[in-house]
Amino acid sequence: MMKVSICIGSSCHIKGSRHIVEDLQYLVSEYSLQDLVELSGTFCMGKCQQGVCITVDGVLHSVSPENVNAFFGKEILAKVS
């Protein structure tokens, strides 16, 4: 199972992590990936300047509400389908 952790610390929250969490929950459901992708929230990853921090199986990514769909397609959907 792919593990995706989204930072919900204060800096990432201000940069839109709540919207990213909601978008990823929707996309995982839309593509019926609930059995393949585990979404979780985490607090500060220590890279606050990089935007909303997300790890996919331990690899750090910087995501914004504007590029969350592209991120999902490249880093999640392409790797589990």
PDB file of N, CA and C in Angstrom:
ATOM      1  N   MET A   1       0.851  -1.185   0.000  1.00  0.00           N
ATOM      2  CA  MET A   1       0.000   0.000   0.000  1.00  0.00           C
ATOM      3  C   MET A   1       0.889   1.238   0.000  1.00  0.00           C
ATOM      4  N   MET A   2       0.567   2.195  -0.859  1.00  0.00           N
ATOM      5  CA  MET A   2       1.301   3.462  -0.915  1.00  0.00           C
ATOM      6  C   MET A   2       0.889   4.329   0.265  1.00  0.00           C
ATOM      7  N   LYS A   3       1.878   4.888   0.954  1.00  0.00           N
ATOM      8  CA  LYS A   3       1.600   5.760   2.101  1.00  0.00           C
ATOM      9  C   LYS A   3       1.867   7.213   1.711  1.00  0.00           C
ATOM     10  N   VAL A   4       0.828   8.041   1.822  1.00  0.00           N
ATOM     11  CA  VAL A   4       0.908   9.455   1.476  1.00  0.00           C
ATOM     12  C   VAL A   4       0.608  10.261   2.739  1.00  0.00           C
ATOM     13  N   SER A   5       1.591  11.048   3.184  1.00  0.00           N
ATOM     14  CA  SER A   5       1.421  11.867   4.388  1.00  0.00           C
ATOM     15  C   SER A   5       1.449  13.343   4.002  1.00  0.00           C
ATOM     16  N   ILE A   6       0.430  14.068   4.422  1.00  0.00           N
ATOM     17  CA  ILE A   6       0.301  15.488   4.112  1.00  0.00           C
ATOM     18  C   ILE A   6       0.530  16.285   5.383  1.00  0.00           C
ATOM     19  N   CYS A   7       1.419  17.267   5.322  1.00  0.00           N
ATOM     20  CA  CYS A   7       1.671  18.113   6.482  1.00  0.00           C
ATOM     21  C   CYS A   7       0.452  18.994   6.748  1.00  0.00           C
ATOM     22  N   ILE A   8       0.013  18.994   7.994  1.00  0.00           N
ATOM     23  CA  ILE A   8      -1.098  19.860   8.387  1.00  0.00           C
ATOM     24  C   ILE A   8      -0.652  20.820   9.490  1.00  0.00           C
ATOM     25  N   GLY A   9       0.670  21.023   9.571  1.00  0.00           N
ATOM     26  CA  GLY A   9       1.208  21.995  10.520  1.00  0.00           C
ATOM     27  C   GLY A   9       0.786  23.402  10.140  1.00  0.00           C
ATOM     28  N   SER A  10       1.046  24.362  11.010  1.00  0.00           N
ATOM     29  CA  SER A  10       0.513  25.712  10.809  1.00  0.00           C
ATOM     30  C   SER A  10       0.978  26.362   9.504  1.00  0.00           C
ATOM     31  N   SER A  11       2.252  26.237   9.137  1.00  0.00           N
ATOM     32  CA  SER A  11       2.742  26.869   7.914  1.00  0.00           C
ATOM     33  C   SER A  11       2.085  26.243   6.680  1.00  0.00           C
ATOM     34  N   CYS A  12       2.031  24.926   6.639  1.00  0.00           N
ATOM     35  CA  CYS A  12       1.400  24.256   5.493  1.00  0.00           C
ATOM     36  C   CYS A  12      -0.112  24.497   5.479  1.00  0.00           C
ATOM     37  N   HIS A  13      -0.715  24.592   6.651  1.00  0.00           N
ATOM     38  CA  HIS A  13      -2.154  24.890   6.713  1.00  0.00           C
ATOM     39  C   HIS A  13      -2.434  26.236   6.052  1.00  0.00           C
ATOM     40  N   ILE A  14      -1.611  27.227   6.359  1.00  0.00           N
ATOM     41  CA  ILE A  14      -1.777  28.563   5.764  1.00  0.00           C
ATOM     42  C   ILE A  14      -1.609  28.505   4.248  1.00  0.00           C
ATOM     43  N   LYS A  15      -0.759  27.601   3.769  1.00  0.00           N
ATOM     44  CA  LYS A  15      -0.489  27.482   2.329  1.00  0.00           C
ATOM     45  C   LYS A  15      -1.477  26.573   1.610  1.00  0.00           C
ATOM     46  N   GLY A  16      -2.487  26.058   2.322  1.00  0.00           N
ATOM     47  CA  GLY A  16      -3.567  25.330   1.652  1.00  0.00           C
ATOM     48  C   GLY A  16      -3.613  23.833   1.863  1.00  0.00           C
ATOM     49  N   SER A  17      -2.986  23.325   2.919  1.00  0.00           N
ATOM     50  CA  SER A  17      -2.974  21.872   3.099  1.00  0.00           C
ATOM     51  C   SER A  17      -4.372  21.287   3.255  1.00  0.00           C
ATOM     52  N   ARG A  18      -5.291  22.044   3.850  1.00  0.00           N
ATOM     53  CA  ARG A  18      -6.658  21.521   4.015  1.00  0.00           C
ATOM     54  C   ARG A  18      -7.304  21.238   2.660  1.00  0.00           C
ATOM     55  N   HIS A  19      -7.117  22.153   1.716  1.00  0.00           N
ATOM     56  CA  HIS A  19      -7.672  21.955   0.368  1.00  0.00           C
ATOM     57  C   HIS A  19      -6.998  20.779  -0.329  1.00  0.00           C
ATOM     58  N   ILE A  20      -5.702  20.631  -0.120  1.00  0.00           N
ATOM     59  CA  ILE A  20      -4.971  19.521  -0.729  1.00  0.00           C
ATOM     60  C   ILE A  20      -5.458  18.195  -0.164  1.00  0.00           C
ATOM     61  N   VAL A  21      -5.649  18.124   1.150  1.00  0.00           N
ATOM     62  CA  VAL A  21      -6.174  16.900   1.773  1.00  0.00           C
ATOM     63  C   VAL A  21      -7.532  16.559   1.159  1.00  0.00           C
ATOM     64  N   GLU A  22      -8.408  17.536   1.059  1.00  0.00           N
ATOM     65  CA  GLU A  22      -9.745  17.299   0.499  1.00  0.00           C
ATOM     66  C   GLU A  22      -9.662  16.850  -0.957  1.00  0.00           C
ATOM     67  N   ASP A  23      -8.790  17.488  -1.734  1.00  0.00           N
ATOM     68  CA  ASP A  23      -8.641  17.117  -3.143  1.00  0.00           C
ATOM     69  C   ASP A  23      -8.100  15.700  -3.276  1.00  0.00           C
ATOM     70  N   LEU A  24      -7.095  15.352  -2.479  1.00  0.00           N
ATOM     71  CA  LEU A  24      -6.533  14.005  -2.557  1.00  0.00           C
ATOM     72  C   LEU A  24      -7.541  12.952  -2.104  1.00  0.00           C
ATOM     73  N   GLN A  25      -8.317  13.249  -1.069  1.00  0.00           N
ATOM     74  CA  GLN A  25      -9.362  12.312  -0.633  1.00  0.00           C
ATOM     75  C   GLN A  25     -10.357  12.077  -1.769  1.00  0.00           C
ATOM     76  N   TYR A  26     -10.750  13.157  -2.438  1.00  0.00           N
ATOM     77  CA  TYR A  26     -11.689  13.036  -3.551  1.00  0.00           C
ATOM     78  C   TYR A  26     -11.083  12.207  -4.688  1.00  0.00           C
ATOM     79  N   LEU A  27      -9.842  12.506  -5.062  1.00  0.00           N
ATOM     80  CA  LEU A  27      -9.209  11.819  -6.188  1.00  0.00           C
ATOM     81  C   LEU A  27      -8.997  10.335  -5.891  1.00  0.00           C
ATOM     82  N   VAL A  28      -8.568  10.008  -4.675  1.00  0.00           N
ATOM     83  CA  VAL A  28      -8.403   8.599  -4.302  1.00  0.00           C
ATOM     84  C   VAL A  28      -9.739   7.871  -4.411  1.00  0.00           C
ATOM     85  N   SER A  29     -10.800   8.508  -3.954  1.00  0.00           N
ATOM     86  CA  SER A  29     -12.134   7.913  -4.044  1.00  0.00           C
ATOM     87  C   SER A  29     -12.605   7.823  -5.499  1.00  0.00           C
ATOM     88  N   GLU A  30     -12.406   8.884  -6.258  1.00  0.00           N
ATOM     89  CA  GLU A  30     -12.849   8.947  -7.660  1.00  0.00           C
ATOM     90  C   GLU A  30     -12.215   7.827  -8.496  1.00  0.00           C
ATOM     91  N   TYR A  31     -10.949   7.512  -8.216  1.00  0.00           N
ATOM     92  CA  TYR A  31     -10.246   6.470  -8.956  1.00  0.00           C
ATOM     93  C   TYR A  31     -10.284   5.115  -8.233  1.00  0.00           C
ATOM     94  N   SER A  32     -11.082   5.009  -7.177  1.00  0.00           N
ATOM     95  CA  SER A  32     -11.252   3.770  -6.412  1.00  0.00           C
ATOM     96  C   SER A  32      -9.914   3.185  -5.954  1.00  0.00           C
ATOM     97  N   LEU A  33      -9.091   4.043  -5.367  1.00  0.00           N
ATOM     98  CA  LEU A  33      -7.760   3.628  -4.920  1.00  0.00           C
ATOM     99  C   LEU A  33      -7.678   3.430  -3.406  1.00  0.00           C
ATOM    100  N   GLN A  34      -8.814   3.357  -2.732  1.00  0.00           N
ATOM    101  CA  GLN A  34      -8.827   3.257  -1.271  1.00  0.00           C
ATOM    102  C   GLN A  34      -8.022   2.056  -0.767  1.00  0.00           C
ATOM    103  N   ASP A  35      -7.970   0.971  -1.524  1.00  0.00           N
ATOM    104  CA  ASP A  35      -7.231  -0.215  -1.102  1.00  0.00           C
ATOM    105  C   ASP A  35      -5.754  -0.149  -1.468  1.00  0.00           C
ATOM    106  N   LEU A  36      -5.359   0.877  -2.226  1.00  0.00           N
ATOM    107  CA  LEU A  36      -3.977   0.989  -2.696  1.00  0.00           C
ATOM    108  C   LEU A  36      -3.229   2.178  -2.111  1.00  0.00           C
ATOM    109  N   VAL A  37      -3.971   3.194  -1.647  1.00  0.00           N
ATOM    110  CA  VAL A  37      -3.359   4.437  -1.172  1.00  0.00           C
ATOM    111  C   VAL A  37      -3.873   4.750   0.227  1.00  0.00           C
ATOM    112  N   GLU A  38      -2.945   4.966   1.149  1.00  0.00           N
ATOM    113  CA  GLU A  38      -3.300   5.360   2.510  1.00  0.00           C
ATOM    114  C   GLU A  38      -2.924   6.826   2.706  1.00  0.00           C
ATOM    115  N   LEU A  39      -3.923   7.680   2.923  1.00  0.00           N
ATOM    116  CA  LEU A  39      -3.690   9.100   3.189  1.00  0.00           C
ATOM    117  C   LEU A  39      -3.649   9.326   4.689  1.00  0.00           C
ATOM    118  N   SER A  40      -2.697  10.146   5.133  1.00  0.00           N
ATOM    119  CA  SER A  40      -2.649  10.494   6.547  1.00  0.00           C
ATOM    120  C   SER A  40      -2.119  11.912   6.698  1.00  0.00           C
ATOM    121  N   GLY A  41      -2.445  12.514   7.817  1.00  0.00           N
ATOM    122  CA  GLY A  41      -1.933  13.836   8.134  1.00  0.00           C
ATOM    123  C   GLY A  41      -0.757  13.712   9.087  1.00  0.00           C
ATOM    124  N   THR A  42       0.134  14.667   9.020  1.00  0.00           N
ATOM    125  CA  THR A  42       1.273  14.692   9.920  1.00  0.00           C
ATOM    126  C   THR A  42       1.585  16.140  10.251  1.00  0.00           C
ATOM    127  N   PHE A  43       2.297  16.349  11.331  1.00  0.00           N
ATOM    128  CA  PHE A  43       2.677  17.714  11.665  1.00  0.00           C
ATOM    129  C   PHE A  43       4.039  18.023  11.073  1.00  0.00           C
ATOM    130  N   CYS A  44       4.550  19.176  11.326  1.00  0.00           N
ATOM    131  CA  CYS A  44       5.705  19.765  10.644  1.00  0.00           C
ATOM    132  C   CYS A  44       6.780  18.766  10.231  1.00  0.00           C
ATOM    133  N   MET A  45       7.162  18.863   8.961  1.00  0.00           N
ATOM    134  CA  MET A  45       8.225  18.036   8.402  1.00  0.00           C
ATOM    135  C   MET A  45       9.552  18.797   8.352  1.00  0.00           C
ATOM    136  N   GLY A  46       9.530  20.048   8.816  1.00  0.00           N
ATOM    137  CA  GLY A  46      10.759  20.828   8.881  1.00  0.00           C
ATOM    138  C   GLY A  46      11.177  21.498   7.588  1.00  0.00           C
ATOM    139  N   LYS A  47      10.324  21.517   6.593  1.00  0.00           N
ATOM    140  CA  LYS A  47      10.640  22.130   5.300  1.00  0.00           C
ATOM    141  C   LYS A  47       9.599  23.195   4.967  1.00  0.00           C
ATOM    142  N   CYS A  48       9.314  24.059   5.918  1.00  0.00           N
ATOM    143  CA  CYS A  48       8.191  24.994   5.822  1.00  0.00           C
ATOM    144  C   CYS A  48       8.274  25.923   4.605  1.00  0.00           C
ATOM    145  N   GLN A  49       9.470  26.278   4.168  1.00  0.00           N
ATOM    146  CA  GLN A  49       9.604  27.191   3.032  1.00  0.00           C
ATOM    147  C   GLN A  49       9.190  26.530   1.719  1.00  0.00           C
ATOM    148  N   GLN A  50       9.126  25.213   1.679  1.00  0.00           N
ATOM    149  CA  GLN A  50       8.862  24.508   0.426  1.00  0.00           C
ATOM    150  C   GLN A  50       7.384  24.362   0.105  1.00  0.00           C
ATOM    151  N   GLY A  51       6.525  24.983   0.853  1.00  0.00           N
ATOM    152  CA  GLY A  51       5.100  24.877   0.552  1.00  0.00           C
ATOM    153  C   GLY A  51       4.465  23.757   1.345  1.00  0.00           C
ATOM    154  N   VAL A  52       3.384  23.223   0.863  1.00  0.00           N
ATOM    155  CA  VAL A  52       2.739  22.105   1.554  1.00  0.00           C
ATOM    156  C   VAL A  52       3.577  20.866   1.277  1.00  0.00           C
ATOM    157  N   CYS A  53       4.115  20.294   2.340  1.00  0.00           N
ATOM    158  CA  CYS A  53       4.989  19.127   2.221  1.00  0.00           C
ATOM    159  C   CYS A  53       4.162  17.850   2.256  1.00  0.00           C
ATOM    160  N   ILE A  54       4.466  16.974   1.304  1.00  0.00           N
ATOM    161  CA  ILE A  54       3.801  15.681   1.230  1.00  0.00           C
ATOM    162  C   ILE A  54       4.875  14.634   0.998  1.00  0.00           C
ATOM    163  N   THR A  55       4.788  13.533   1.735  1.00  0.00           N
ATOM    164  CA  THR A  55       5.672  12.419   1.432  1.00  0.00           C
ATOM    165  C   THR A  55       4.861  11.294   0.801  1.00  0.00           C
ATOM    166  N   VAL A  56       5.450  10.690  -0.213  1.00  0.00           N
ATOM    167  CA  VAL A  56       4.875   9.520  -0.862  1.00  0.00           C
ATOM    168  C   VAL A  56       5.887   8.399  -0.655  1.00  0.00           C
ATOM    169  N   ASP A  57       5.535   7.443   0.167  1.00  0.00           N
ATOM    170  CA  ASP A  57       6.452   6.367   0.541  1.00  0.00           C
ATOM    171  C   ASP A  57       7.809   6.918   0.967  1.00  0.00           C
ATOM    172  N   GLY A  58       7.783   7.982   1.767  1.00  0.00           N
ATOM    173  CA  GLY A  58       8.994   8.554   2.337  1.00  0.00           C
ATOM    174  C   GLY A  58       9.710   9.591   1.493  1.00  0.00           C
ATOM    175  N   VAL A  59       9.277   9.804   0.255  1.00  0.00           N
ATOM    176  CA  VAL A  59       9.911  10.789  -0.629  1.00  0.00           C
ATOM    177  C   VAL A  59       9.158  12.112  -0.518  1.00  0.00           C
ATOM    178  N   LEU A  60       9.889  13.173  -0.198  1.00  0.00           N
ATOM    179  CA  LEU A  60       9.282  14.489   0.032  1.00  0.00           C
ATOM    180  C   LEU A  60       8.947  15.201  -1.267  1.00  0.00           C
ATOM    181  N   HIS A  61       7.760  15.803  -1.303  1.00  0.00           N
ATOM    182  CA  HIS A  61       7.305  16.603  -2.436  1.00  0.00           C
ATOM    183  C   HIS A  61       6.745  17.910  -1.910  1.00  0.00           C
ATOM    184  N   SER A  62       6.843  18.945  -2.717  1.00  0.00           N
ATOM    185  CA  SER A  62       6.237  20.236  -2.397  1.00  0.00           C
ATOM    186  C   SER A  62       5.035  20.418  -3.312  1.00  0.00           C
ATOM    187  N   VAL A  63       3.861  20.601  -2.716  1.00  0.00           N
ATOM    188  CA  VAL A  63       2.617  20.653  -3.484  1.00  0.00           C
ATOM    189  C   VAL A  63       1.856  21.914  -3.110  1.00  0.00           C
ATOM    190  N   SER A  64       1.135  22.464  -4.077  1.00  0.00           N
ATOM    191  CA  SER A  64       0.270  23.614  -3.813  1.00  0.00           C
ATOM    192  C   SER A  64      -1.143  23.243  -4.260  1.00  0.00           C
ATOM    193  N   PRO A  65      -2.139  23.992  -3.794  1.00  0.00           N
ATOM    194  CA  PRO A  65      -3.503  23.714  -4.256  1.00  0.00           C
ATOM    195  C   PRO A  65      -3.624  23.786  -5.778  1.00  0.00           C
ATOM    196  N   GLU A  66      -2.780  24.594  -6.410  1.00  0.00           N
ATOM    197  CA  GLU A  66      -2.840  24.756  -7.864  1.00  0.00           C
ATOM    198  C   GLU A  66      -2.268  23.556  -8.617  1.00  0.00           C
ATOM    199  N   ASN A  67      -1.332  22.821  -8.030  1.00  0.00           N
ATOM    200  CA  ASN A  67      -0.735  21.704  -8.767  1.00  0.00           C
ATOM    201  C   ASN A  67      -1.052  20.332  -8.176  1.00  0.00           C
ATOM    202  N   VAL A  68      -2.029  20.265  -7.286  1.00  0.00           N
ATOM    203  CA  VAL A  68      -2.340  18.992  -6.632  1.00  0.00           C
ATOM    204  C   VAL A  68      -2.827  17.944  -7.633  1.00  0.00           C
ATOM    205  N   ASN A  69      -3.581  18.329  -8.656  1.00  0.00           N
ATOM    206  CA  ASN A  69      -4.062  17.355  -9.636  1.00  0.00           C
ATOM    207  C   ASN A  69      -2.907  16.769 -10.439  1.00  0.00           C
ATOM    208  N   ALA A  70      -1.972  17.606 -10.851  1.00  0.00           N
ATOM    209  CA  ALA A  70      -0.798  17.126 -11.585  1.00  0.00           C
ATOM    210  C   ALA A  70       0.052  16.222 -10.689  1.00  0.00           C
ATOM    211  N   PHE A  71       0.222  16.621  -9.439  1.00  0.00           N
ATOM    212  CA  PHE A  71       0.961  15.809  -8.472  1.00  0.00           C
ATOM    213  C   PHE A  71       0.311  14.435  -8.325  1.00  0.00           C
ATOM    214  N   PHE A  72      -1.003  14.409  -8.170  1.00  0.00           N
ATOM    215  CA  PHE A  72      -1.724  13.149  -8.020  1.00  0.00           C
ATOM    216  C   PHE A  72      -1.495  12.249  -9.230  1.00  0.00           C
ATOM    217  N   GLY A  73      -1.624  12.820 -10.420  1.00  0.00           N
ATOM    218  CA  GLY A  73      -1.459  12.025 -11.636  1.00  0.00           C
ATOM    219  C   GLY A  73      -0.069  11.435 -11.763  1.00  0.00           C
ATOM    220  N   LYS A  74       0.949  12.237 -11.467  1.00  0.00           N
ATOM    221  CA  LYS A  74       2.343  11.817 -11.667  1.00  0.00           C
ATOM    222  C   LYS A  74       2.867  10.942 -10.532  1.00  0.00           C
ATOM    223  N   GLU A  75       2.591  11.320  -9.298  1.00  0.00           N
ATOM    224  CA  GLU A  75       3.223  10.661  -8.155  1.00  0.00           C
ATOM    225  C   GLU A  75       2.383   9.587  -7.488  1.00  0.00           C
ATOM    226  N   ILE A  76       1.076   9.584  -7.757  1.00  0.00           N
ATOM    227  CA  ILE A  76       0.214   8.587  -7.118  1.00  0.00           C
ATOM    228  C   ILE A  76      -0.422   7.685  -8.172  1.00  0.00           C
ATOM    229  N   LEU A  77      -1.257   8.249  -9.016  1.00  0.00           N
ATOM    230  CA  LEU A  77      -2.019   7.452  -9.990  1.00  0.00           C
ATOM    231  C   LEU A  77      -1.093   6.647 -10.903  1.00  0.00           C
ATOM    232  N   ALA A  78      -0.064   7.274 -11.433  1.00  0.00           N
ATOM    233  CA  ALA A  78       0.848   6.590 -12.362  1.00  0.00           C
ATOM    234  C   ALA A  78       1.588   5.441 -11.702  1.00  0.00           C
ATOM    235  N   LYS A  79       1.766   5.509 -10.396  1.00  0.00           N
ATOM    236  CA  LYS A  79       2.561   4.493  -9.704  1.00  0.00           C
ATOM    237  C   LYS A  79       1.740   3.360  -9.105  1.00  0.00           C
ATOM    238  N   VAL A  80       0.435   3.527  -9.019  1.00  0.00           N
ATOM    239  CA  VAL A  80      -0.392   2.456  -8.447  1.00  0.00           C
ATOM    240  C   VAL A  80      -1.269   1.778  -9.479  1.00  0.00           C
ATOM    241  N   SER A  81      -1.372   2.351 -10.676  1.00  0.00           N
ATOM    242  CA  SER A  81      -2.253   1.714 -11.674  1.00  0.00           C
ATOM    243  C   SER A  81      -1.471   0.912 -12.684  1.00  0.00           C
TER     244      SER A  81
END
